[in-house]
Every structure is written in structure tokens, then in C-alpha cells.
PDB file of N, CA and C in Angstrom:
ATOM      1  N   UNK A   1       0.748  -1.225  -0.104  1.00  0.00           N
ATOM      2  CA  UNK A   1       0.073   0.045  -0.319  1.00  0.00           C
ATOM      3  C   UNK A   1       0.799   1.401   0.289  1.00  0.00           C
ATOM      4  N   UNK A   2       1.909   1.279   0.821  1.00  0.00           N
ATOM      5  CA  UNK A   2       2.714   2.594   0.836  1.00  0.00           C
ATOM      6  C   UNK A   2       3.134   2.764  -0.614  1.00  0.00           C
ATOM      7  N   UNK A   3       3.646   1.957  -1.784  1.00  0.00           N
ATOM      8  CA  UNK A   3       4.186   2.359  -2.709  1.00  0.00           C
ATOM      9  C   UNK A   3       2.990   2.789  -3.677  1.00  0.00           C
ATOM     10  N   UNK A   4       1.858   1.960  -3.292  1.00  0.00           N
ATOM     11  CA  UNK A   4       1.155   2.348  -4.392  1.00  0.00           C
ATOM     12  C   UNK A   4       0.284   4.126  -3.900  1.00  0.00           C
ATOM     13  N   UNK A   5       0.514   4.442  -2.345  1.00  0.00           N
ATOM     14  CA  UNK A   5       0.215   5.312  -1.952  1.00  0.00           C
ATOM     15  C   UNK A   5       0.735   6.388  -2.964  1.00  0.00           C
ATOM     16  N   UNK A   6       2.153   6.377  -3.193  1.00  0.00           N
ATOM     17  CA  UNK A   6       3.105   7.168  -3.772  1.00  0.00           C
ATOM     18  C   UNK A   6       2.931   7.320  -5.182  1.00  0.00           C
ATOM     19  N   UNK A   7       2.101   6.182  -6.082  1.00  0.00           N
ATOM     20  CA  UNK A   7       1.987   6.552  -7.236  1.00  0.00           C
ATOM     21  C   UNK A   7       0.711   6.763  -7.644  1.00  0.00           C
ATOM     22  N   UNK A   8      -0.544   6.477  -6.608  1.00  0.00           N
ATOM     23  CA  UNK A   8      -1.991   6.774  -6.730  1.00  0.00           C
ATOM     24  C   UNK A   8      -2.494   6.840  -5.510  1.00  0.00           C
ATOM     25  N   UNK A   9      -2.645   8.138  -4.308  1.00  0.00           N
ATOM     26  CA  UNK A   9      -2.999   8.271  -3.673  1.00  0.00           C
ATOM     27  C   UNK A   9      -4.634   7.634  -3.491  1.00  0.00           C
ATOM     28  N   UNK A  10      -5.339   8.776  -4.785  1.00  0.00           N
ATOM     29  CA  UNK A  10      -6.549   8.241  -4.397  1.00  0.00           C
ATOM     30  C   UNK A  10      -7.092   6.620  -4.611  1.00  0.00           C
ATOM     31  N   UNK A  11      -6.187   5.617  -5.157  1.00  0.00           N
ATOM     32  CA  UNK A  11      -5.926   4.358  -5.279  1.00  0.00           C
ATOM     33  C   UNK A  11      -6.600   3.822  -4.197  1.00  0.00           C
ATOM     34  N   UNK A  12      -5.231   4.010  -3.211  1.00  0.00           N
ATOM     35  CA  UNK A  12      -5.502   3.781  -2.132  1.00  0.00           C
ATOM     36  C   UNK A  12      -6.489   3.685  -0.799  1.00  0.00           C
ATOM     37  N   UNK A  13      -7.220   5.288  -1.444  1.00  0.00           N
ATOM     38  CA  UNK A  13      -8.522   4.963  -0.521  1.00  0.00           C
ATOM     39  C   UNK A  13      -9.389   4.493  -1.039  1.00  0.00           C
ATOM     40  N   UNK A  14      -9.731   4.090  -1.983  1.00  0.00           N
ATOM     41  CA  UNK A  14     -10.965   3.319  -2.550  1.00  0.00           C
ATOM     42  C   UNK A  14     -10.597   1.971  -2.125  1.00  0.00           C
ATOM     43  N   UNK A  15      -9.313   1.318  -2.101  1.00  0.00           N
ATOM     44  CA  UNK A  15      -8.986   0.432  -1.469  1.00  0.00           C
ATOM     45  C   UNK A  15      -9.429  -0.155  -0.249  1.00  0.00           C
ATOM     46  N   UNK A  16      -9.086   0.923   0.958  1.00  0.00           N
ATOM     47  CA  UNK A  16      -9.507   0.913   2.083  1.00  0.00           C
ATOM     48  C   UNK A  16     -10.502   0.950   1.875  1.00  0.00           C
ATOM     49  N   UNK A  17     -11.375   1.982   1.399  1.00  0.00           N
ATOM     50  CA  UNK A  17     -13.005   2.006   1.926  1.00  0.00           C
ATOM     51  C   UNK A  17     -13.340   0.598   1.239  1.00  0.00           C
ATOM     52  N   UNK A  18     -13.029  -0.262   0.143  1.00  0.00           N
ATOM     53  CA  UNK A  18     -13.530  -1.497  -0.233  1.00  0.00           C
ATOM     54  C   UNK A  18     -13.461  -2.605   1.047  1.00  0.00           C
ATOM     55  N   UNK A  19     -12.147  -2.583   1.661  1.00  0.00           N
ATOM     56  CA  UNK A  19     -11.679  -3.391   2.620  1.00  0.00           C
ATOM     57  C   UNK A  19     -12.325  -3.190   4.036  1.00  0.00           C
ATOM     58  N   UNK A  20     -12.934  -1.911   4.257  1.00  0.00           N
ATOM     59  CA  UNK A  20     -13.485  -1.432   5.801  1.00  0.00           C
ATOM     60  C   UNK A  20     -15.124  -2.035   5.679  1.00  0.00           C
ATOM     61  N   UNK A  21     -15.586  -1.696   4.010  1.00  0.00           N
ATOM     62  CA  UNK A  21     -17.076  -2.195   3.765  1.00  0.00           C
ATOM     63  C   UNK A  21     -16.983  -3.714   3.862  1.00  0.00           C
ATOM     64  N   UNK A  22     -16.099  -4.213   3.202  1.00  0.00           N
ATOM     65  CA  UNK A  22     -16.484  -5.451   3.148  1.00  0.00           C
ATOM     66  C   UNK A  22     -16.023  -6.246   4.910  1.00  0.00           C
ATOM     67  N   UNK A  23     -15.410  -5.847   5.480  1.00  0.00           N
ATOM     68  CA  UNK A  23     -15.107  -5.967   6.749  1.00  0.00           C
ATOM     69  C   UNK A  23     -16.360  -5.606   7.726  1.00  0.00           C
ATOM     70  N   UNK A  24     -17.134  -4.601   7.402  1.00  0.00           N
ATOM     71  CA  UNK A  24     -18.279  -4.387   8.539  1.00  0.00           C
ATOM     72  C   UNK A  24     -19.548  -5.375   7.619  1.00  0.00           C
ATOM     73  N   UNK A  25     -19.583  -5.684   6.353  1.00  0.00           N
ATOM     74  CA  UNK A  25     -20.728  -6.619   5.661  1.00  0.00           C
ATOM     75  C   UNK A  25     -20.545  -7.871   6.149  1.00  0.00           C
ATOM     76  N   UNK A  26     -19.466  -8.592   6.183  1.00  0.00           N
ATOM     77  CA  UNK A  26     -18.848  -9.742   6.703  1.00  0.00           C
ATOM     78  C   UNK A  26     -19.475  -9.863   8.036  1.00  0.00           C
ATOM     79  N   UNK A  27     -19.310  -8.915   9.146  1.00  0.00           N
ATOM     80  CA  UNK A  27     -19.735  -8.979  10.535  1.00  0.00           C
ATOM     81  C   UNK A  27     -21.090  -8.568  10.435  1.00  0.00           C
ATOM     82  N   UNK A  28     -21.933  -8.187   9.675  1.00  0.00           N
ATOM     83  CA  UNK A  28     -23.447  -8.158   9.841  1.00  0.00           C
ATOM     84  C   UNK A  28     -23.637  -9.699   9.221  1.00  0.00           C
ATOM     85  N   UNK A  29     -23.256 -10.292   8.310  1.00  0.00           N
ATOM     86  CA  UNK A  29     -24.087 -11.398   7.539  1.00  0.00           C
ATOM     87  C   UNK A  29     -23.098 -12.535   8.402  1.00  0.00           C
ATOM     88  N   UNK A  30     -22.578 -12.731   9.233  1.00  0.00           N
ATOM     89  CA  UNK A  30     -21.994 -13.825   9.781  1.00  0.00           C
ATOM     90  C   UNK A  30     -23.049 -14.414  10.775  1.00  0.00           C
ATOM     91  N   UNK A  31     -23.275 -15.841  10.355  1.00  0.00           N
ATOM     92  CA  UNK A  31     -24.193 -16.632  11.431  1.00  0.00           C
ATOM     93  C   UNK A  31     -24.249 -16.361  12.641  1.00  0.00           C
ATOM     94  N   UNK A  32     -24.989 -15.904  13.828  1.00  0.00           N
ATOM     95  CA  UNK A  32     -24.576 -15.877  14.998  1.00  0.00           C
ATOM     96  C   UNK A  32     -24.630 -17.361  15.718  1.00  0.00           C
ATOM     97  N   UNK A  33     -23.688 -17.820  16.595  1.00  0.00           N
ATOM     98  CA  UNK A  33     -23.666 -18.899  17.428  1.00  0.00           C
ATOM     99  C   UNK A  33     -24.499 -18.980  18.684  1.00  0.00           C
ATOM    100  N   UNK A  34     -24.770 -19.934  18.835  1.00  0.00           N
ATOM    101  CA  UNK A  34     -26.199 -20.228  19.955  1.00  0.00           C
ATOM    102  C   UNK A  34     -25.630 -19.655  21.025  1.00  0.00           C
ATOM    103  N   UNK A  35     -25.979 -19.474  22.463  1.00  0.00           N
ATOM    104  CA  UNK A  35     -27.738 -19.047  22.137  1.00  0.00           C
ATOM    105  C   UNK A  35     -27.901 -17.668  22.010  1.00  0.00           C
ATOM    106  N   UNK A  36     -26.909 -17.075  21.162  1.00  0.00           N
ATOM    107  CA  UNK A  36     -27.002 -15.685  20.866  1.00  0.00           C
ATOM    108  C   UNK A  36     -28.336 -15.091  20.386  1.00  0.00           C
ATOM    109  N   UNK A  37     -28.747 -13.787  20.546  1.00  0.00           N
ATOM    110  CA  UNK A  37     -29.850 -13.726  19.669  1.00  0.00           C
ATOM    111  C   UNK A  37     -29.635 -12.188  18.883  1.00  0.00           C
ATOM    112  N   UNK A  38     -29.027 -11.530  19.335  1.00  0.00           N
ATOM    113  CA  UNK A  38     -28.326 -10.280  18.749  1.00  0.00           C
ATOM    114  C   UNK A  38     -26.402  -9.983  18.494  1.00  0.00           C
ATOM    115  N   UNK A  39     -26.118  -9.223  17.698  1.00  0.00           N
ATOM    116  CA  UNK A  39     -24.546  -8.842  17.594  1.00  0.00           C
ATOM    117  C   UNK A  39     -24.664  -7.223  17.785  1.00  0.00           C
ATOM    118  N   UNK A  40     -23.648  -7.022  18.559  1.00  0.00           N
ATOM    119  CA  UNK A  40     -23.398  -5.945  19.429  1.00  0.00           C
ATOM    120  C   UNK A  40     -22.040  -5.831  18.424  1.00  0.00           C
ATOM    121  N   UNK A  41     -21.887  -4.776  17.457  1.00  0.00           N
ATOM    122  CA  UNK A  41     -20.483  -4.578  17.032  1.00  0.00           C
ATOM    123  C   UNK A  41     -19.693  -3.309  17.532  1.00  0.00           C
ATOM    124  N   UNK A  42     -18.423  -3.599  18.272  1.00  0.00           N
ATOM    125  CA  UNK A  42     -18.030  -2.694  18.612  1.00  0.00           C
ATOM    126  C   UNK A  42     -16.108  -2.786  18.096  1.00  0.00           C
ATOM    127  N   UNK A  43     -15.359  -1.655  18.839  1.00  0.00           N
ATOM    128  CA  UNK A  43     -14.135  -1.887  18.444  1.00  0.00           C
ATOM    129  C   UNK A  43     -13.721  -1.402  16.923  1.00  0.00           C
ATOM    130  N   UNK A  44     -14.653  -0.775  16.277  1.00  0.00           N
ATOM    131  CA  UNK A  44     -14.638  -0.793  14.906  1.00  0.00           C
ATOM    132  C   UNK A  44     -14.546   0.796  14.621  1.00  0.00           C
ATOM    133  N   UNK A  45     -14.573   1.416  15.173  1.00  0.00           N
ATOM    134  CA  UNK A  45     -14.085   3.148  15.145  1.00  0.00           C
ATOM    135  C   UNK A  45     -13.459   3.356  14.034  1.00  0.00           C
ATOM    136  N   UNK A  46     -12.305   3.068  13.849  1.00  0.00           N
ATOM    137  CA  UNK A  46     -11.382   3.645  12.480  1.00  0.00           C
ATOM    138  C   UNK A  46     -11.947   3.086  11.210  1.00  0.00           C
ATOM    139  N   UNK A  47     -12.921   2.231  11.597  1.00  0.00           N
ATOM    140  CA  UNK A  47     -13.212   1.883  10.154  1.00  0.00           C
ATOM    141  C   UNK A  47     -14.179   2.465   9.405  1.00  0.00           C
ATOM    142  N   UNK A  48     -14.640   3.468  10.768  1.00  0.00           N
ATOM    143  CA  UNK A  48     -15.352   4.632  10.112  1.00  0.00           C
ATOM    144  C   UNK A  48     -14.983   5.781   9.275  1.00  0.00           C
ATOM    145  N   UNK A  49     -13.880   5.937   9.350  1.00  0.00           N
ATOM    146  CA  UNK A  49     -12.778   6.883   8.905  1.00  0.00           C
ATOM    147  C   UNK A  49     -12.978   6.303   7.027  1.00  0.00           C
ATOM    148  N   UNK A  50     -13.112   5.503   6.647  1.00  0.00           N
ATOM    149  CA  UNK A  50     -13.144   4.865   5.334  1.00  0.00           C
ATOM    150  C   UNK A  50     -14.699   3.984   4.953  1.00  0.00           C
ATOM    151  N   UNK A  51     -15.550   3.912   5.828  1.00  0.00           N
ATOM    152  CA  UNK A  51     -16.455   3.268   5.511  1.00  0.00           C
ATOM    153  C   UNK A  51     -18.024   3.793   5.897  1.00  0.00           C
ATOM    154  N   UNK A  52     -19.220   3.966   5.489  1.00  0.00           N
ATOM    155  CA  UNK A  52     -20.314   4.879   5.972  1.00  0.00           C
ATOM    156  C   UNK A  52     -21.017   3.585   6.963  1.00  0.00           C
ATOM    157  N   UNK A  53     -21.017   3.555   8.188  1.00  0.00           N
ATOM    158  CA  UNK A  53     -22.344   2.466   8.400  1.00  0.00           C
ATOM    159  C   UNK A  53     -23.121   2.506   8.424  1.00  0.00           C
ATOM    160  N   UNK A  54     -24.004   4.154   8.503  1.00  0.00           N
ATOM    161  CA  UNK A  54     -25.416   4.165   7.995  1.00  0.00           C
ATOM    162  C   UNK A  54     -25.776   3.718   6.664  1.00  0.00           C
ATOM    163  N   UNK A  55     -24.625   3.738   5.775  1.00  0.00           N
ATOM    164  CA  UNK A  55     -25.078   3.541   4.102  1.00  0.00           C
ATOM    165  C   UNK A  55     -24.895   2.093   4.324  1.00  0.00           C
ATOM    166  N   UNK A  56     -24.290   1.058   4.757  1.00  0.00           N
ATOM    167  CA  UNK A  56     -24.047   0.042   4.714  1.00  0.00           C
ATOM    168  C   UNK A  56     -25.443  -0.701   5.549  1.00  0.00           C
ATOM    169  N   UNK A  57     -25.603  -0.040   7.024  1.00  0.00           N
ATOM    170  CA  UNK A  57     -26.929  -0.644   7.448  1.00  0.00           C
ATOM    171  C   UNK A  57     -28.293  -0.203   6.395  1.00  0.00           C
ATOM    172  N   UNK A  58     -28.517   0.576   5.701  1.00  0.00           N
ATOM    173  CA  UNK A  58     -29.198   1.364   4.853  1.00  0.00           C
ATOM    174  C   UNK A  58     -29.721   0.530   4.031  1.00  0.00           C
ATOM    175  N   UNK A  59     -28.363  -0.534   3.472  1.00  0.00           N
ATOM    176  CA  UNK A  59     -28.837  -1.394   2.314  1.00  0.00           C
ATOM    177  C   UNK A  59     -29.133  -2.535   2.403  1.00  0.00           C
ATOM    178  N   UNK A  60     -29.062  -2.827   3.511  1.00  0.00           N
ATOM    179  CA  UNK A  60     -29.745  -4.341   4.120  1.00  0.00           C
ATOM    180  C   UNK A  60     -31.220  -4.137   4.313  1.00  0.00           C
ATOM    181  N   UNK A  61     -31.726  -2.715   4.771  1.00  0.00           N
ATOM    182  CA  UNK A  61     -32.780  -2.478   5.245  1.00  0.00           C
ATOM    183  C   UNK A  61     -34.170  -2.617   3.833  1.00  0.00           C
ATOM    184  N   UNK A  62     -34.919  -3.723   4.312  1.00  0.00           N
ATOM    185  CA  UNK A  62     -36.051  -3.898   3.037  1.00  0.00           C
ATOM    186  C   UNK A  62     -35.644  -4.712   2.032  1.00  0.00           C
ATOM    187  N   UNK A  63     -34.415  -5.586   2.422  1.00  0.00           N
ATOM    188  CA  UNK A  63     -33.866  -6.184   1.106  1.00  0.00           C
ATOM    189  C   UNK A  63     -33.811  -7.944   1.563  1.00  0.00           C
ATOM    190  N   UNK A  64     -33.921  -8.728   0.212  1.00  0.00           N
ATOM    191  CA  UNK A  64     -34.301  -9.975   0.510  1.00  0.00           C
ATOM    192  C   UNK A  64     -33.441 -11.037   0.995  1.00  0.00           C
ATOM    193  N   UNK A  65     -32.508 -10.322   1.423  1.00  0.00           N
ATOM    194  CA  UNK A  65     -31.508 -11.015   2.264  1.00  0.00           C
ATOM    195  C   UNK A  65     -30.694 -10.464   3.374  1.00  0.00           C
ATOM    196  N   UNK A  66     -31.791 -10.321   4.505  1.00  0.00           N
ATOM    197  CA  UNK A  66     -31.207  -9.393   5.782  1.00  0.00           C
ATOM    198  C   UNK A  66     -30.294 -10.045   6.992  1.00  0.00           C
ATOM    199  N   UNK A  67     -29.860  -9.314   7.740  1.00  0.00           N
ATOM    200  CA  UNK A  67     -28.659  -9.985   8.530  1.00  0.00           C
ATOM    201  C   UNK A  67     -29.520 -11.280   8.988  1.00  0.00           C
ATOM    202  N   UNK A  68     -28.682 -11.927   9.592  1.00  0.00           N
ATOM    203  CA  UNK A  68     -29.349 -13.288  10.393  1.00  0.00           C
ATOM    204  C   UNK A  68     -29.976 -12.957  11.827  1.00  0.00           C
ATOM    205  N   UNK A  69     -29.428 -11.520  12.420  1.00  0.00           N
ATOM    206  CA  UNK A  69     -29.944 -11.503  13.797  1.00  0.00           C
ATOM    207  C   UNK A  69     -29.900 -10.092  13.750  1.00  0.00           C
ATOM    208  N   UNK A  70     -30.819  -9.230  14.987  1.00  0.00           N
ATOM    209  CA  UNK A  70     -30.990  -7.774  15.164  1.00  0.00           C
ATOM    210  C   UNK A  70     -29.049  -7.149  15.333  1.00  0.00           C
ATOM    211  N   UNK A  71     -28.820  -6.397  14.764  1.00  0.00           N
ATOM    212  CA  UNK A  71     -27.509  -5.593  14.910  1.00  0.00           C
ATOM    213  C   UNK A  71     -27.464  -4.433  15.121  1.00  0.00           C
ATOM    214  N   UNK A  72     -26.619  -4.102  16.310  1.00  0.00           N
ATOM    215  CA  UNK A  72     -26.235  -2.895  16.952  1.00  0.00           C
ATOM    216  C   UNK A  72     -24.735  -2.539  17.195  1.00  0.00           C
ATOM    217  N   UNK A  73     -24.521  -0.983  16.283  1.00  0.00           N
ATOM    218  CA  UNK A  73     -22.973  -0.595  16.101  1.00  0.00           C
ATOM    219  C   UNK A  73     -23.255   0.448  17.108  1.00  0.00           C
ATOM    220  N   UNK A  74     -22.057  -0.082  18.338  1.00  0.00           N
ATOM    221  CA  UNK A  74     -21.570   0.884  19.186  1.00  0.00           C
ATOM    222  C   UNK A  74     -20.649   1.545  18.715  1.00  0.00           C
ATOM    223  N   UNK A  75     -20.796   2.980  18.437  1.00  0.00           N
ATOM    224  CA  UNK A  75     -19.730   3.644  17.941  1.00  0.00           C
ATOM    225  C   UNK A  75     -20.057   5.197  18.466  1.00  0.00           C
ATOM    226  N   UNK A  76     -19.117   5.915  19.513  1.00  0.00           N
ATOM    227  CA  UNK A  76     -18.013   5.084  19.386  1.00  0.00           C
ATOM    228  C   UNK A  76     -18.267   3.762  20.593  1.00  0.00           C
ATOM    229  N   UNK A  77     -17.478   2.864  20.974  1.00  0.00           N
ATOM    230  CA  UNK A  77     -17.548   2.093  21.759  1.00  0.00           C
ATOM    231  C   UNK A  77     -16.581   0.812  21.309  1.00  0.00           C
ATOM    232  N   UNK A  78     -16.150   0.654  22.665  1.00  0.00           N
ATOM    233  CA  UNK A  78     -15.298  -0.603  22.836  1.00  0.00           C
ATOM    234  C   UNK A  78     -15.652  -1.575  24.194  1.00  0.00           C
ATOM    235  N   UNK A  79     -15.031  -2.705  24.094  1.00  0.00           N
ATOM    236  CA  UNK A  79     -15.081  -3.944  24.661  1.00  0.00           C
ATOM    237  C   UNK A  79     -13.628  -4.949  24.581  1.00  0.00           C
ATOM    238  N   UNK A  80     -13.714  -5.448  25.780  1.00  0.00           N
ATOM    239  CA  UNK A  80     -13.028  -6.583  25.569  1.00  0.00           C
ATOM    240  C   UNK A  80     -13.294  -7.782  26.275  1.00  0.00           C
ATOM    241  N   UNK A  81     -13.145  -9.055  26.990  1.00  0.00           N
ATOM    242  CA  UNK A  81     -13.691  -9.772  27.263  1.00  0.00           C
ATOM    243  C   UNK A  81     -14.786  -9.776  28.912  1.00  0.00           C
ATOM    244  N   UNK A  82     -14.118  -8.637  29.239  1.00  0.00           N
ATOM    245  CA  UNK A  82     -14.577  -8.178  30.693  1.00  0.00           C
ATOM    246  C   UNK A  82     -15.664  -7.333  30.655  1.00  0.00           C
ATOM    247  N   UNK A  83     -15.408  -6.198  29.627  1.00  0.00           N
ATOM    248  CA  UNK A  83     -15.986  -4.755  29.905  1.00  0.00           C
ATOM    249  C   UNK A  83     -16.272  -4.743  28.647  1.00  0.00           C
ATOM    250  N   UNK A  84     -17.542  -3.633  28.516  1.00  0.00           N
ATOM    251  CA  UNK A  84     -17.960  -2.696  27.800  1.00  0.00           C
ATOM    252  C   UNK A  84     -18.024  -1.261  27.934  1.00  0.00           C
ATOM    253  N   UNK A  85     -17.473  -0.525  27.010  1.00  0.00           N
ATOM    254  CA  UNK A  85     -17.556   0.992  27.024  1.00  0.00           C
ATOM    255  C   UNK A  85     -18.371   1.527  26.255  1.00  0.00           C
ATOM    256  N   UNK A  86     -19.217   2.144  26.667  1.00  0.00           N
ATOM    257  CA  UNK A  86     -20.419   2.943  25.218  1.00  0.00           C
ATOM    258  C   UNK A  86     -20.186   4.423  25.341  1.00  0.00           C
ATOM    259  N   UNK A  87     -19.880   5.275  24.544  1.00  0.00           N
ATOM    260  CA  UNK A  87     -19.594   6.624  24.318  1.00  0.00           C
ATOM    261  C   UNK A  87     -18.996   6.802  25.370  1.00  0.00           C
ATOM    262  N   UNK A  88     -17.715   6.142  25.704  1.00  0.00           N
ATOM    263  CA  UNK A  88     -16.922   6.390  26.891  1.00  0.00           C
ATOM    264  C   UNK A  88     -17.189   6.768  27.961  1.00  0.00           C
ATOM    265  N   UNK A  89     -18.008   5.741  28.384  1.00  0.00           N
ATOM    266  CA  UNK A  89     -18.706   6.145  29.845  1.00  0.00           C
ATOM    267  C   UNK A  89     -18.393   4.652  30.716  1.00  0.00           C
ATOM    268  N   UNK A  90     -18.178   4.789  31.800  1.00  0.00           N
ATOM    269  CA  UNK A  90     -17.727   3.775  33.015  1.00  0.00           C
ATOM    270  C   UNK A  90     -17.793   2.536  31.891  1.00  0.00           C
ATOM    271  N   UNK A  91     -16.260   2.307  31.801  1.00  0.00           N
ATOM    272  CA  UNK A  91     -15.847   0.898  31.608  1.00  0.00           C
ATOM    273  C   UNK A  91     -15.565  -0.037  32.462  1.00  0.00           C
ATOM    274  N   UNK A  92     -16.787  -0.686  32.891  1.00  0.00           N
ATOM    275  CA  UNK A  92     -16.197  -1.572  33.802  1.00  0.00           C
ATOM    276  C   UNK A  92     -17.580  -2.530  34.045  1.00  0.00           C
ATOM    277  N   UNK A  93     -17.413  -3.503  34.812  1.00  0.00           N
ATOM    278  CA  UNK A  93     -18.773  -4.771  35.046  1.00  0.00           C
ATOM    279  C   UNK A  93     -19.689  -4.204  35.264  1.00  0.00           C
ATOM    280  N   UNK A  94     -19.736  -3.260  36.269  1.00  0.00           N
ATOM    281  CA  UNK A  94     -21.465  -2.807  36.612  1.00  0.00           C
ATOM    282  C   UNK A  94     -21.581  -1.466  35.970  1.00  0.00           C
ATOM    283  N   UNK A  95     -21.767  -1.812  34.204  1.00  0.00           N
ATOM    284  CA  UNK A  95     -21.964  -0.649  33.665  1.00  0.00           C
ATOM    285  C   UNK A  95     -23.266  -0.075  33.723  1.00  0.00           C
ATOM    286  N   UNK A  96     -23.533   0.980  33.993  1.00  0.00           N
ATOM    287  CA  UNK A  96     -24.282   1.832  33.998  1.00  0.00           C
ATOM    288  C   UNK A  96     -24.466   3.433  32.968  1.00  0.00           C
ATOM    289  N   UNK A  97     -25.417   3.524  32.641  1.00  0.00           N
ATOM    290  CA  UNK A  97     -25.507   4.632  31.390  1.00  0.00           C
ATOM    291  C   UNK A  97     -26.242   5.445  32.013  1.00  0.00           C
ATOM    292  N   UNK A  98     -26.122   6.684  32.438  1.00  0.00           N
ATOM    293  CA  UNK A  98     -26.636   8.131  32.775  1.00  0.00           C
ATOM    294  C   UNK A  98     -27.775   8.381  31.358  1.00  0.00           C
ATOM    295  N   UNK A  99     -29.027   8.838  32.254  1.00  0.00           N
ATOM    296  CA  UNK A  99     -29.950   9.137  31.383  1.00  0.00           C
ATOM    297  C   UNK A  99     -29.220  10.488  30.914  1.00  0.00           C
ATOM    298  N   UNK A 100     -30.099  10.630  29.698  1.00  0.00           N
ATOM    299  CA  UNK A 100     -29.638  12.009  29.051  1.00  0.00           C
ATOM    300  C   UNK A 100     -30.576  12.879  28.553  1.00  0.00           C
TER     301      UNK A 100
END
């Protein structure tokens, strides 16, 4: 990509947009393992630089091939095996979201 960027900077952006879009679509379309009933997508903030979450999710709306389960994209949001932090609010096991 570094060599391509020197020759054709616009092509690098197109390639990164395609890769980001493919990653998001794949995450949305992937079947859920049992007993999961919904998918929460987190830690994808850097992809938003290259791909539009709203454009991708709008493409699924009303299509013949909807996602296999409800999807929530937390942006910004981070998670690991023990904690969840949405909008950078209290990342701990006793997660509470203040009323807005």
C-alpha cells in the first residue's frame, strides 16, 4: 500500500474503503453462534474513517437477504472479554448509562 500510495493516492483510499466495507458487511452477515440472539459490534471506530455505517446498514433495510439477527453498532464503543464502554462512559463490569 505504501508504494501504491506514492503512485496513486486516490486508489489507496478506494482500496481501504472497499476493505472496510467488506469487513463491516461480513460482521453483519456472519451467522450467530447459539444461544446468541443479537450482535453488538464494537471496536470498529477506525473503519468509520473509510466506510459509512449508515450507508451499509441502509442497504440491508428491506432487502431479500436481511442480517441473520438484530445488529447494534456501538460507535464509539469498546469492549473486551470483561468490560463494555459505550460513548466512553464507565467501562466496568457494573455498567450503568446515565440518563441523557
